[in-house]
Amino acid sequence: MAVYTQVADDELAAFLDAYDIGALVSYKGIAEGVENSNYFLQTERGSFILTLYEKRVDP
């Protein structure tokens, strides 16, 4: 499973308030991936992908 960081409903909704994508309707983790946590988001304005970068790389 590629969701390493779990996100609480209220935390995600509060985070998304800063973006003009509508209210959160639903979300689920995406199992594909190797290193980052990915979520499929459904909002009142459409579908989105949220990626949480788990490992930082120095430039």
Protein backbone atom coordinates (compact mmCIF):
# COMPACT_ATOMS: atom_id res chain seq x y z
CA MET A 1 0.00 0.00 0.00
CA ALA A 2 1.33 3.41 -0.93
CA VAL A 3 -0.46 5.52 1.66
CA TYR A 4 2.17 6.12 4.32
CA THR A 5 0.59 9.18 5.93
CA GLN A 6 -3.00 8.87 7.07
CA VAL A 7 -5.08 12.06 6.89
CA ALA A 8 -8.01 12.83 9.17
CA ASP A 9 -11.24 14.06 7.56
CA ASP A 10 -11.30 17.36 9.44
CA GLU A 11 -7.60 18.08 8.79
CA LEU A 12 -7.97 17.48 5.07
CA ALA A 13 -11.11 19.62 4.83
CA ALA A 14 -9.37 22.47 6.69
CA PHE A 15 -6.30 22.20 4.42
CA LEU A 16 -8.45 22.29 1.27
CA ASP A 17 -10.25 25.43 2.45
CA ALA A 18 -7.17 27.38 1.32
CA TYR A 19 -7.82 26.34 -2.29
CA ASP A 20 -10.68 27.26 -4.58
CA ILE A 21 -11.70 23.68 -5.39
CA GLY A 22 -15.00 23.44 -3.52
CA ALA A 23 -15.93 21.50 -0.42
CA LEU A 24 -14.58 17.99 0.07
CA VAL A 25 -17.14 15.30 -0.79
CA SER A 26 -14.98 12.18 -0.43
CA TYR A 27 -11.41 10.92 -0.60
CA LYS A 28 -9.52 7.66 -0.64
CA GLY A 29 -5.92 6.55 -0.65
CA ILE A 30 -4.38 5.37 -3.90
CA ALA A 31 -2.48 2.09 -3.50
CA GLU A 32 -0.11 2.66 -6.42
CA GLY A 33 3.17 4.41 -5.80
CA VAL A 34 6.43 3.69 -4.10
CA GLU A 35 7.45 6.57 -1.89
CA ASN A 36 4.69 9.16 -1.49
CA SER A 37 1.14 9.10 -0.13
CA ASN A 38 -1.46 9.77 -2.81
CA TYR A 39 -5.15 10.47 -2.39
CA PHE A 40 -7.97 10.73 -4.90
CA LEU A 41 -10.19 13.67 -3.89
CA GLN A 42 -13.74 14.36 -4.96
CA THR A 43 -14.96 17.90 -4.28
CA GLU A 44 -18.01 19.90 -5.28
CA ARG A 45 -15.97 21.21 -8.23
CA GLY A 46 -14.40 18.04 -9.55
CA SER A 47 -11.78 15.35 -9.03
CA PHE A 48 -8.23 15.97 -7.85
CA ILE A 49 -5.11 14.09 -6.81
CA LEU A 50 -3.31 15.05 -3.59
CA THR A 51 0.31 13.91 -3.21
CA LEU A 52 2.08 14.08 0.13
CA TYR A 53 5.82 13.95 -0.43
CA GLU A 54 7.27 11.64 2.18
CA LYS A 55 10.96 12.04 1.43
CA ARG A 56 12.73 15.30 0.67
CA VAL A 57 15.60 15.46 -1.76
CA ASP A 58 18.30 18.11 -1.53
CA PRO A 59 18.55 20.18 -4.73
